[in-house]
Amino acid sequence: MKNLFSTILILLLIGCNPKRKTSFTEIDCIKEEMPKFDGRKVSLLDENGVAFKDTIIDKIEKRRTVFKPCRDYIYSAKFYDENRNLITSTRIKMTATGKRWKFQPELQDELIVQHEYSKEDRKKAAKYKLNKKLPDYGWMKETKTGIIENVEKIWMHPFRSNQFSFTEVAPFPEIKYPIEIGKSWTGQLHIQEGWGDWENTSGNSSYEITSREPIETKYGKINPCWKVKSKSSYPFGKSTFDYWFSETLGFVKMNYRNYGGQYLEIELEEVNDR
C-alpha cells in the first residue's frame, strides 16, 4: 500500500510540472570533408560605386576542434531580474551540422539552436522585456545561426532568441589565438533596422583574458578554462559579459548582466558526439 501511495504521489508531481513547449529533437548532420580555409569576402566596385563582383581576399586555415560536425551541446539557462529573483529556468541545445551557413558560407559554419520552454516561461518573461519596441514575432523553438572557427579565432552569435534578445547588445562570445592571460581586443557592432529601440545605433565592446582556472559546471569539473571579462557600451546603456572557454569544449559558462540590471547565467550540462 505504501509503494502504491508513493507511485501515485510521483505521478501527481510529474503532472503538476509546467509542460515544456518542445523537447529537443535530433538534428540531421553531415560529416563532410572540412574546408581547408575560411575566407573574407569583399565586393569590388565599378567607377560609379556599384558592386559588380565579390572576391575572397584572405584565406585562414580552417579548424573544427570545438564545433565538430554532429556534436550536440546542451546548456541550462537561468534568467533573473535585477534583484536576482528567478524569472525563467530553461534549456538550450546547440548542434553543429557540418554545413556552411548560407548567409556567409565563405567564413561561417552552421549551427542549429533549439530552445526548451513552457507557456509559463513566456508569460513570466513578458514583463521583463527591455526593448519595448522590438516586434513580437513569437517565441522560437529552433533557429539557424553561424559560427567562425579557424586558427585565428572562435566566434559565435549569442543565444538571442525569445527572452534573451538583449544578448544582441552585449559582447558576442569570442576567443582569439594565441590564448594568453592579459590579452585584450575590441569590437564594434552596428544595429540595423528591425531591432526596435536599438535600431540604427552602434556599440563598442572590449575583451580581456583575465585568468586560466578550473571551473565546476553541471557537466562536471572542466580544467583548464580561460576566463574572459568583457563589456559593451551603447547609447541606451552598458552590459557586462563574463565567460569561460575550454579549448576542447568551447564556451562552457556564460554570465551576462544587461543594461537593465538583469542577469542571465548559461552553463554547460551535456556534450554528445554522434
C-alpha atoms as a PDB file:
ATOM      1  CA  MET A   1       0.000   0.000   0.000  1.00  0.00           C
ATOM      2  CA  LYS A   2       2.860   2.326   0.869  1.00  0.00           C
ATOM      3  CA  ASN A   3       4.524   1.655  -2.506  1.00  0.00           C
ATOM      4  CA  LEU A   4       1.238   2.333  -4.311  1.00  0.00           C
ATOM      5  CA  PHE A   5       0.848   5.664  -2.492  1.00  0.00           C
ATOM      6  CA  SER A   6       4.428   6.651  -3.412  1.00  0.00           C
ATOM      7  CA  THR A   7       3.828   5.811  -7.071  1.00  0.00           C
ATOM      8  CA  ILE A   8       0.626   7.886  -7.178  1.00  0.00           C
ATOM      9  CA  LEU A   9       2.401  10.820  -5.497  1.00  0.00           C
ATOM     10  CA  ILE A  10       5.231  10.750  -8.052  1.00  0.00           C
ATOM     11  CA  LEU A  11       2.754  10.710 -10.927  1.00  0.00           C
ATOM     12  CA  LEU A  12       0.879  13.664  -9.431  1.00  0.00           C
ATOM     13  CA  LEU A  13       4.088  15.647  -9.041  1.00  0.00           C
ATOM     14  CA  ILE A  14       5.056  14.948 -12.646  1.00  0.00           C
ATOM     15  CA  GLY A  15       1.625  16.041 -13.783  1.00  0.00           C
ATOM     16  CA  CYS A  16       1.966  19.352 -11.899  1.00  0.00           C
ATOM     17  CA  ASN A  17       5.194  20.321 -13.653  1.00  0.00           C
ATOM     18  CA  PRO A  18       4.799  23.006 -16.361  1.00  0.00           C
ATOM     19  CA  LYS A  19       4.738  21.340 -19.745  1.00  0.00           C
ATOM     20  CA  ARG A  20       7.590  22.386 -21.994  1.00  0.00           C
ATOM     21  CA  LYS A  21       6.833  23.770 -25.427  1.00  0.00           C
ATOM     22  CA  THR A  22       9.121  21.239 -27.017  1.00  0.00           C
ATOM     23  CA  SER A  23      11.623  18.565 -26.207  1.00  0.00           C
ATOM     24  CA  PHE A  24      14.856  18.520 -28.148  1.00  0.00           C
ATOM     25  CA  THR A  25      14.960  16.689 -31.452  1.00  0.00           C
ATOM     26  CA  GLU A  26      17.901  15.054 -33.195  1.00  0.00           C
ATOM     27  CA  ILE A  27      19.297  17.283 -35.921  1.00  0.00           C
ATOM     28  CA  ASP A  28      20.443  15.882 -39.250  1.00  0.00           C
ATOM     29  CA  CYS A  29      24.127  16.478 -39.762  1.00  0.00           C
ATOM     30  CA  ILE A  30      26.850  15.501 -42.181  1.00  0.00           C
ATOM     31  CA  LYS A  31      30.497  14.747 -41.611  1.00  0.00           C
ATOM     32  CA  GLU A  32      31.637  16.013 -44.960  1.00  0.00           C
ATOM     33  CA  GLU A  33      35.230  16.965 -45.659  1.00  0.00           C
ATOM     34  CA  MET A  34      36.171  20.119 -43.802  1.00  0.00           C
ATOM     35  CA  PRO A  35      37.039  23.153 -45.961  1.00  0.00           C
ATOM     36  CA  LYS A  36      40.750  23.925 -45.935  1.00  0.00           C
ATOM     37  CA  PHE A  37      40.218  27.627 -45.391  1.00  0.00           C
ATOM     38  CA  ASP A  38      37.837  30.280 -44.125  1.00  0.00           C
ATOM     39  CA  GLY A  39      37.729  33.361 -46.328  1.00  0.00           C
ATOM     40  CA  ARG A  40      36.941  37.050 -46.111  1.00  0.00           C
ATOM     41  CA  LYS A  41      34.784  38.308 -48.958  1.00  0.00           C
ATOM     42  CA  VAL A  42      34.754  41.867 -50.298  1.00  0.00           C
ATOM     43  CA  SER A  43      32.769  43.467 -53.099  1.00  0.00           C
ATOM     44  CA  LEU A  44      34.578  45.156 -55.969  1.00  0.00           C
ATOM     45  CA  LEU A  45      33.038  48.438 -57.117  1.00  0.00           C
ATOM     46  CA  ASP A  46      32.922  49.961 -60.590  1.00  0.00           C
ATOM     47  CA  GLU A  47      33.643  53.615 -61.367  1.00  0.00           C
ATOM     48  CA  ASN A  48      30.111  54.513 -60.289  1.00  0.00           C
ATOM     49  CA  GLY A  49      30.483  52.848 -56.914  1.00  0.00           C
ATOM     50  CA  VAL A  50      28.265  49.901 -57.848  1.00  0.00           C
ATOM     51  CA  ALA A  51      29.304  46.414 -56.723  1.00  0.00           C
ATOM     52  CA  PHE A  52      29.919  44.144 -59.699  1.00  0.00           C
ATOM     53  CA  LYS A  53      31.942  41.260 -58.271  1.00  0.00           C
ATOM     54  CA  ASP A  54      32.697  39.527 -54.972  1.00  0.00           C
ATOM     55  CA  THR A  55      36.155  38.197 -54.274  1.00  0.00           C
ATOM     56  CA  ILE A  56      37.934  36.412 -51.405  1.00  0.00           C
ATOM     57  CA  ILE A  57      40.877  38.431 -50.098  1.00  0.00           C
ATOM     58  CA  ASP A  58      42.102  36.271 -47.183  1.00  0.00           C
ATOM     59  CA  LYS A  59      42.438  32.555 -46.627  1.00  0.00           C
ATOM     60  CA  ILE A  60      42.580  31.480 -42.986  1.00  0.00           C
ATOM     61  CA  GLU A  61      43.394  27.887 -42.080  1.00  0.00           C
ATOM     62  CA  LYS A  62      40.189  26.138 -41.016  1.00  0.00           C
ATOM     63  CA  ARG A  63      39.604  24.287 -37.728  1.00  0.00           C
ATOM     64  CA  ARG A  64      36.718  22.303 -36.281  1.00  0.00           C
ATOM     65  CA  THR A  65      38.069  21.376 -32.864  1.00  0.00           C
ATOM     66  CA  VAL A  66      35.171  22.690 -30.773  1.00  0.00           C
ATOM     67  CA  PHE A  67      32.228  22.831 -33.160  1.00  0.00           C
ATOM     68  CA  LYS A  68      32.677  19.340 -34.542  1.00  0.00           C
ATOM     69  CA  PRO A  69      30.021  18.157 -37.005  1.00  0.00           C
ATOM     70  CA  CYS A  70      27.239  16.210 -35.256  1.00  0.00           C
ATOM     71  CA  ARG A  71      28.293  17.385 -31.797  1.00  0.00           C
ATOM     72  CA  ASP A  72      25.394  18.393 -29.516  1.00  0.00           C
ATOM     73  CA  TYR A  73      25.791  20.846 -26.650  1.00  0.00           C
ATOM     74  CA  ILE A  74      23.039  21.207 -24.036  1.00  0.00           C
ATOM     75  CA  TYR A  75      23.020  24.176 -21.650  1.00  0.00           C
ATOM     76  CA  SER A  76      20.931  25.297 -18.706  1.00  0.00           C
ATOM     77  CA  ALA A  77      19.853  28.946 -18.889  1.00  0.00           C
ATOM     78  CA  LYS A  78      18.666  30.844 -15.818  1.00  0.00           C
ATOM     79  CA  PHE A  79      17.270  34.357 -16.261  1.00  0.00           C
ATOM     80  CA  TYR A  80      16.987  36.636 -13.201  1.00  0.00           C
ATOM     81  CA  ASP A  81      15.680  40.132 -12.520  1.00  0.00           C
ATOM     82  CA  GLU A  82      17.873  42.898 -11.105  1.00  0.00           C
ATOM     83  CA  ASN A  83      17.287  41.586  -7.560  1.00  0.00           C
ATOM     84  CA  ARG A  84      18.260  38.058  -8.617  1.00  0.00           C
ATOM     85  CA  ASN A  85      14.720  36.721  -8.446  1.00  0.00           C
ATOM     86  CA  LEU A  86      14.408  33.837 -10.912  1.00  0.00           C
ATOM     87  CA  ILE A  87      12.293  34.655 -13.973  1.00  0.00           C
ATOM     88  CA  THR A  88      12.817  31.562 -16.132  1.00  0.00           C
ATOM     89  CA  SER A  89      14.838  28.358 -15.986  1.00  0.00           C
ATOM     90  CA  THR A  90      15.115  26.777 -19.436  1.00  0.00           C
ATOM     91  CA  ARG A  91      17.446  24.689 -21.586  1.00  0.00           C
ATOM     92  CA  ILE A  92      19.218  25.252 -24.888  1.00  0.00           C
ATOM     93  CA  LYS A  93      20.598  22.698 -27.330  1.00  0.00           C
ATOM     94  CA  MET A  94      23.185  23.644 -29.958  1.00  0.00           C
ATOM     95  CA  THR A  95      24.237  21.350 -32.821  1.00  0.00           C
ATOM     96  CA  ALA A  96      26.967  21.785 -35.421  1.00  0.00           C
ATOM     97  CA  THR A  97      25.521  20.462 -38.687  1.00  0.00           C
ATOM     98  CA  GLY A  98      28.766  20.094 -40.642  1.00  0.00           C
ATOM     99  CA  LYS A  99      27.481  22.522 -43.269  1.00  0.00           C
ATOM    100  CA  ARG A 100      28.362  26.095 -44.124  1.00  0.00           C
ATOM    101  CA  TRP A 101      25.988  28.868 -43.004  1.00  0.00           C
ATOM    102  CA  LYS A 102      24.087  30.092 -46.052  1.00  0.00           C
ATOM    103  CA  PHE A 103      24.372  33.794 -45.178  1.00  0.00           C
ATOM    104  CA  GLN A 104      28.199  33.766 -45.098  1.00  0.00           C
ATOM    105  CA  PRO A 105      29.325  30.393 -46.477  1.00  0.00           C
ATOM    106  CA  GLU A 106      32.885  31.503 -47.136  1.00  0.00           C
ATOM    107  CA  LEU A 107      33.507  32.131 -43.424  1.00  0.00           C
ATOM    108  CA  GLN A 108      30.883  30.655 -41.085  1.00  0.00           C
ATOM    109  CA  ASP A 109      29.686  27.153 -40.222  1.00  0.00           C
ATOM    110  CA  GLU A 110      26.041  26.423 -39.497  1.00  0.00           C
ATOM    111  CA  LEU A 111      24.613  25.786 -36.039  1.00  0.00           C
ATOM    112  CA  ILE A 112      21.058  24.833 -35.161  1.00  0.00           C
ATOM    113  CA  VAL A 113      19.887  26.118 -31.795  1.00  0.00           C
ATOM    114  CA  GLN A 114      16.846  24.637 -30.043  1.00  0.00           C
ATOM    115  CA  HIS A 115      15.028  26.164 -27.062  1.00  0.00           C
ATOM    116  CA  GLU A 116      13.014  24.266 -24.484  1.00  0.00           C
ATOM    117  CA  TYR A 117      10.418  26.367 -22.627  1.00  0.00           C
ATOM    118  CA  SER A 118       6.848  26.455 -21.322  1.00  0.00           C
ATOM    119  CA  LYS A 119       3.855  28.784 -21.710  1.00  0.00           C
ATOM    120  CA  GLU A 120       4.508  29.918 -18.162  1.00  0.00           C
ATOM    121  CA  ASP A 121       8.062  30.933 -19.125  1.00  0.00           C
ATOM    122  CA  ARG A 122       6.682  33.145 -21.907  1.00  0.00           C
ATOM    123  CA  LYS A 123       4.132  34.704 -19.586  1.00  0.00           C
ATOM    124  CA  LYS A 124       6.644  35.460 -16.825  1.00  0.00           C
ATOM    125  CA  ALA A 125       9.317  36.854 -19.157  1.00  0.00           C
ATOM    126  CA  ALA A 126       6.966  39.241 -20.990  1.00  0.00           C
ATOM    127  CA  LYS A 127       7.014  41.969 -18.349  1.00  0.00           C
ATOM    128  CA  TYR A 128      10.829  41.955 -18.186  1.00  0.00           C
ATOM    129  CA  LYS A 129      11.341  42.827 -21.859  1.00  0.00           C
ATOM    130  CA  LEU A 130      13.834  45.715 -22.066  1.00  0.00           C
ATOM    131  CA  ASN A 131      13.344  46.588 -25.735  1.00  0.00           C
ATOM    132  CA  LYS A 132       9.707  47.702 -25.718  1.00  0.00           C
ATOM    133  CA  LYS A 133       9.571  48.418 -29.464  1.00  0.00           C
ATOM    134  CA  LEU A 134      11.096  45.113 -30.563  1.00  0.00           C
ATOM    135  CA  PRO A 135       8.457  43.354 -32.714  1.00  0.00           C
ATOM    136  CA  ASP A 136       6.888  40.311 -31.097  1.00  0.00           C
ATOM    137  CA  TYR A 137       7.438  37.506 -33.588  1.00  0.00           C
ATOM    138  CA  GLY A 138       6.520  34.870 -31.027  1.00  0.00           C
ATOM    139  CA  TRP A 139       8.975  32.568 -29.313  1.00  0.00           C
ATOM    140  CA  MET A 140      11.007  30.238 -31.482  1.00  0.00           C
ATOM    141  CA  LYS A 141      11.841  26.647 -30.685  1.00  0.00           C
ATOM    142  CA  GLU A 142      14.542  26.344 -33.367  1.00  0.00           C
ATOM    143  CA  THR A 143      16.830  28.752 -35.224  1.00  0.00           C
ATOM    144  CA  LYS A 144      19.821  28.541 -37.546  1.00  0.00           C
ATOM    145  CA  THR A 145      22.864  30.689 -36.998  1.00  0.00           C
ATOM    146  CA  GLY A 146      26.581  30.845 -37.766  1.00  0.00           C
ATOM    147  CA  ILE A 147      29.929  30.417 -36.032  1.00  0.00           C
ATOM    148  CA  ILE A 148      33.538  31.043 -37.000  1.00  0.00           C
ATOM    149  CA  GLU A 149      36.246  28.563 -36.029  1.00  0.00           C
ATOM    150  CA  ASN A 150      39.728  28.768 -37.507  1.00  0.00           C
ATOM    151  CA  VAL A 151      43.353  29.194 -36.432  1.00  0.00           C
ATOM    152  CA  GLU A 152      42.784  32.884 -35.662  1.00  0.00           C
ATOM    153  CA  LYS A 153      39.656  32.785 -33.513  1.00  0.00           C
ATOM    154  CA  ILE A 154      36.399  31.197 -32.419  1.00  0.00           C
ATOM    155  CA  TRP A 155      33.357  33.472 -32.557  1.00  0.00           C
ATOM    156  CA  MET A 156      29.658  32.755 -32.285  1.00  0.00           C
ATOM    157  CA  HIS A 157      26.333  34.533 -32.379  1.00  0.00           C
ATOM    158  CA  PRO A 158      24.865  34.623 -28.872  1.00  0.00           C
ATOM    159  CA  PHE A 159      21.676  32.840 -27.858  1.00  0.00           C
ATOM    160  CA  ARG A 160      19.455  35.820 -28.678  1.00  0.00           C
ATOM    161  CA  SER A 161      16.005  34.328 -29.289  1.00  0.00           C
ATOM    162  CA  ASN A 162      12.934  34.634 -27.064  1.00  0.00           C
ATOM    163  CA  GLN A 163      13.663  36.197 -23.651  1.00  0.00           C
ATOM    164  CA  PHE A 164      17.379  36.521 -24.457  1.00  0.00           C
ATOM    165  CA  SER A 165      17.212  39.215 -27.182  1.00  0.00           C
ATOM    166  CA  PHE A 166      19.343  41.566 -25.048  1.00  0.00           C
ATOM    167  CA  THR A 167      22.444  39.444 -25.726  1.00  0.00           C
ATOM    168  CA  GLU A 168      22.492  41.114 -29.164  1.00  0.00           C
ATOM    169  CA  VAL A 169      23.775  44.307 -27.500  1.00  0.00           C
ATOM    170  CA  ALA A 170      26.258  42.568 -25.192  1.00  0.00           C
ATOM    171  CA  PRO A 171      29.690  41.417 -26.407  1.00  0.00           C
ATOM    172  CA  PHE A 172      29.491  38.289 -28.573  1.00  0.00           C
ATOM    173  CA  PRO A 173      31.258  35.106 -27.352  1.00  0.00           C
ATOM    174  CA  GLU A 174      34.759  35.154 -28.838  1.00  0.00           C
ATOM    175  CA  ILE A 175      38.281  33.884 -28.216  1.00  0.00           C
ATOM    176  CA  LYS A 176      41.378  34.897 -30.170  1.00  0.00           C
ATOM    177  CA  TYR A 177      44.503  32.811 -30.648  1.00  0.00           C
ATOM    178  CA  PRO A 178      47.072  32.504 -29.262  1.00  0.00           C
ATOM    179  CA  ILE A 179      45.312  32.485 -25.899  1.00  0.00           C
ATOM    180  CA  GLU A 180      47.217  34.137 -23.054  1.00  0.00           C
ATOM    181  CA  ILE A 181      46.403  35.949 -19.833  1.00  0.00           C
ATOM    182  CA  GLY A 182      46.308  39.711 -20.316  1.00  0.00           C
ATOM    183  CA  LYS A 183      45.378  39.546 -23.990  1.00  0.00           C
ATOM    184  CA  SER A 184      42.760  42.138 -24.930  1.00  0.00           C
ATOM    185  CA  TRP A 185      40.863  43.248 -28.010  1.00  0.00           C
ATOM    186  CA  THR A 186      37.911  45.371 -29.043  1.00  0.00           C
ATOM    187  CA  GLY A 187      34.923  45.114 -31.359  1.00  0.00           C
ATOM    188  CA  GLN A 188      32.118  47.218 -32.776  1.00  0.00           C
ATOM    189  CA  LEU A 189      28.587  46.410 -33.907  1.00  0.00           C
ATOM    190  CA  HIS A 190      26.030  48.496 -35.782  1.00  0.00           C
ATOM    191  CA  ILE A 191      22.423  47.520 -35.103  1.00  0.00           C
ATOM    192  CA  GLN A 192      20.342  47.734 -38.256  1.00  0.00           C
ATOM    193  CA  GLU A 193      16.614  48.211 -38.773  1.00  0.00           C
ATOM    194  CA  GLY A 194      14.135  45.796 -37.240  1.00  0.00           C
ATOM    195  CA  TRP A 195      15.575  45.910 -33.717  1.00  0.00           C
ATOM    196  CA  GLY A 196      13.072  48.298 -32.128  1.00  0.00           C
ATOM    197  CA  ASP A 197      14.645  50.670 -29.579  1.00  0.00           C
ATOM    198  CA  TRP A 198      18.132  49.604 -30.646  1.00  0.00           C
ATOM    199  CA  GLU A 199      17.927  50.056 -34.410  1.00  0.00           C
ATOM    200  CA  ASN A 200      20.404  52.382 -36.133  1.00  0.00           C
ATOM    201  CA  THR A 201      22.678  52.526 -33.090  1.00  0.00           C
ATOM    202  CA  SER A 202      26.307  51.461 -32.720  1.00  0.00           C
ATOM    203  CA  GLY A 203      28.108  49.975 -29.752  1.00  0.00           C
ATOM    204  CA  ASN A 204      31.673  49.225 -28.727  1.00  0.00           C
ATOM    205  CA  SER A 205      32.867  46.107 -26.917  1.00  0.00           C
ATOM    206  CA  SER A 206      36.112  45.328 -25.103  1.00  0.00           C
ATOM    207  CA  TYR A 207      37.509  41.964 -24.017  1.00  0.00           C
ATOM    208  CA  GLU A 208      40.318  40.765 -21.738  1.00  0.00           C
ATOM    209  CA  ILE A 209      41.523  37.259 -20.852  1.00  0.00           C
ATOM    210  CA  THR A 210      41.968  37.510 -17.084  1.00  0.00           C
ATOM    211  CA  SER A 211      42.807  34.014 -15.812  1.00  0.00           C
ATOM    212  CA  ARG A 212      43.258  30.310 -16.507  1.00  0.00           C
ATOM    213  CA  GLU A 213      41.387  28.222 -13.958  1.00  0.00           C
ATOM    214  CA  PRO A 214      39.294  25.093 -13.319  1.00  0.00           C
ATOM    215  CA  ILE A 215      35.537  25.578 -13.006  1.00  0.00           C
ATOM    216  CA  GLU A 216      32.662  23.441 -11.783  1.00  0.00           C
ATOM    217  CA  THR A 217      29.690  23.099 -14.140  1.00  0.00           C
ATOM    218  CA  LYS A 218      26.618  20.897 -14.419  1.00  0.00           C
ATOM    219  CA  TYR A 219      28.670  18.951 -16.985  1.00  0.00           C
ATOM    220  CA  GLY A 220      31.373  18.397 -14.362  1.00  0.00           C
ATOM    221  CA  LYS A 221      34.720  19.913 -13.492  1.00  0.00           C
ATOM    222  CA  ILE A 222      36.419  21.429 -16.536  1.00  0.00           C
ATOM    223  CA  ASN A 223      40.137  22.103 -16.255  1.00  0.00           C
ATOM    224  CA  PRO A 224      41.572  24.317 -17.518  1.00  0.00           C
ATOM    225  CA  CYS A 225      39.322  27.134 -18.699  1.00  0.00           C
ATOM    226  CA  TRP A 226      40.195  30.629 -19.828  1.00  0.00           C
ATOM    227  CA  LYS A 227      38.134  33.365 -18.194  1.00  0.00           C
ATOM    228  CA  VAL A 228      37.253  36.369 -20.353  1.00  0.00           C
ATOM    229  CA  LYS A 229      35.761  39.575 -18.967  1.00  0.00           C
ATOM    230  CA  SER A 230      34.003  41.801 -21.479  1.00  0.00           C
ATOM    231  CA  LYS A 231      31.689  44.782 -21.619  1.00  0.00           C
ATOM    232  CA  SER A 232      29.732  46.730 -24.203  1.00  0.00           C
ATOM    233  CA  SER A 233      28.535  50.315 -24.370  1.00  0.00           C
ATOM    234  CA  TYR A 234      25.599  51.628 -26.429  1.00  0.00           C
ATOM    235  CA  PRO A 235      23.727  54.944 -26.273  1.00  0.00           C
ATOM    236  CA  PHE A 236      20.970  53.269 -24.244  1.00  0.00           C
ATOM    237  CA  GLY A 237      23.218  51.526 -21.695  1.00  0.00           C
ATOM    238  CA  LYS A 238      26.094  49.227 -20.780  1.00  0.00           C
ATOM    239  CA  SER A 239      26.245  45.434 -20.421  1.00  0.00           C
ATOM    240  CA  THR A 240      28.848  43.089 -18.953  1.00  0.00           C
ATOM    241  CA  PHE A 241      29.592  39.529 -20.036  1.00  0.00           C
ATOM    242  CA  ASP A 242      31.971  37.138 -18.259  1.00  0.00           C
ATOM    243  CA  TYR A 243      32.566  33.741 -19.831  1.00  0.00           C
ATOM    244  CA  TRP A 244      34.790  30.686 -19.561  1.00  0.00           C
ATOM    245  CA  PHE A 245      36.290  28.983 -22.597  1.00  0.00           C
ATOM    246  CA  SER A 246      37.643  25.428 -22.877  1.00  0.00           C
ATOM    247  CA  GLU A 247      39.908  24.650 -25.822  1.00  0.00           C
ATOM    248  CA  THR A 248      38.088  21.343 -26.353  1.00  0.00           C
ATOM    249  CA  LEU A 249      34.506  22.157 -25.257  1.00  0.00           C
ATOM    250  CA  GLY A 250      34.190  25.815 -26.221  1.00  0.00           C
ATOM    251  CA  PHE A 251      32.110  28.316 -24.255  1.00  0.00           C
ATOM    252  CA  VAL A 252      31.169  26.339 -21.154  1.00  0.00           C
ATOM    253  CA  LYS A 253      29.841  29.062 -18.864  1.00  0.00           C
ATOM    254  CA  MET A 254      28.432  32.497 -19.740  1.00  0.00           C
ATOM    255  CA  ASN A 255      27.278  35.133 -17.247  1.00  0.00           C
ATOM    256  CA  TYR A 256      25.529  38.262 -18.505  1.00  0.00           C
ATOM    257  CA  ARG A 257      24.346  41.403 -16.755  1.00  0.00           C
ATOM    258  CA  ASN A 258      22.401  43.532 -19.195  1.00  0.00           C
ATOM    259  CA  TYR A 259      21.899  47.287 -19.253  1.00  0.00           C
ATOM    260  CA  GLY A 260      18.648  46.882 -17.287  1.00  0.00           C
ATOM    261  CA  GLY A 261      20.466  45.118 -14.446  1.00  0.00           C
ATOM    262  CA  GLN A 262      19.045  41.660 -15.261  1.00  0.00           C
ATOM    263  CA  TYR A 263      21.174  38.503 -15.110  1.00  0.00           C
ATOM    264  CA  LEU A 264      21.480  35.545 -17.464  1.00  0.00           C
ATOM    265  CA  GLU A 265      23.579  32.526 -16.468  1.00  0.00           C
ATOM    266  CA  ILE A 266      24.222  29.838 -19.073  1.00  0.00           C
ATOM    267  CA  GLU A 267      26.076  26.663 -18.135  1.00  0.00           C
ATOM    268  CA  LEU A 268      27.080  23.518 -19.996  1.00  0.00           C
ATOM    269  CA  GLU A 269      25.146  20.373 -18.989  1.00  0.00           C
ATOM    270  CA  GLU A 270      25.860  17.773 -21.667  1.00  0.00           C
ATOM    271  CA  VAL A 271      28.069  17.134 -24.690  1.00  0.00           C
ATOM    272  CA  ASN A 272      27.238  14.340 -27.113  1.00  0.00           C
ATOM    273  CA  ASP A 273      29.258  13.336 -30.178  1.00  0.00           C
ATOM    274  CA  ARG A 274      27.341  11.293 -32.734  1.00  0.00           C
END
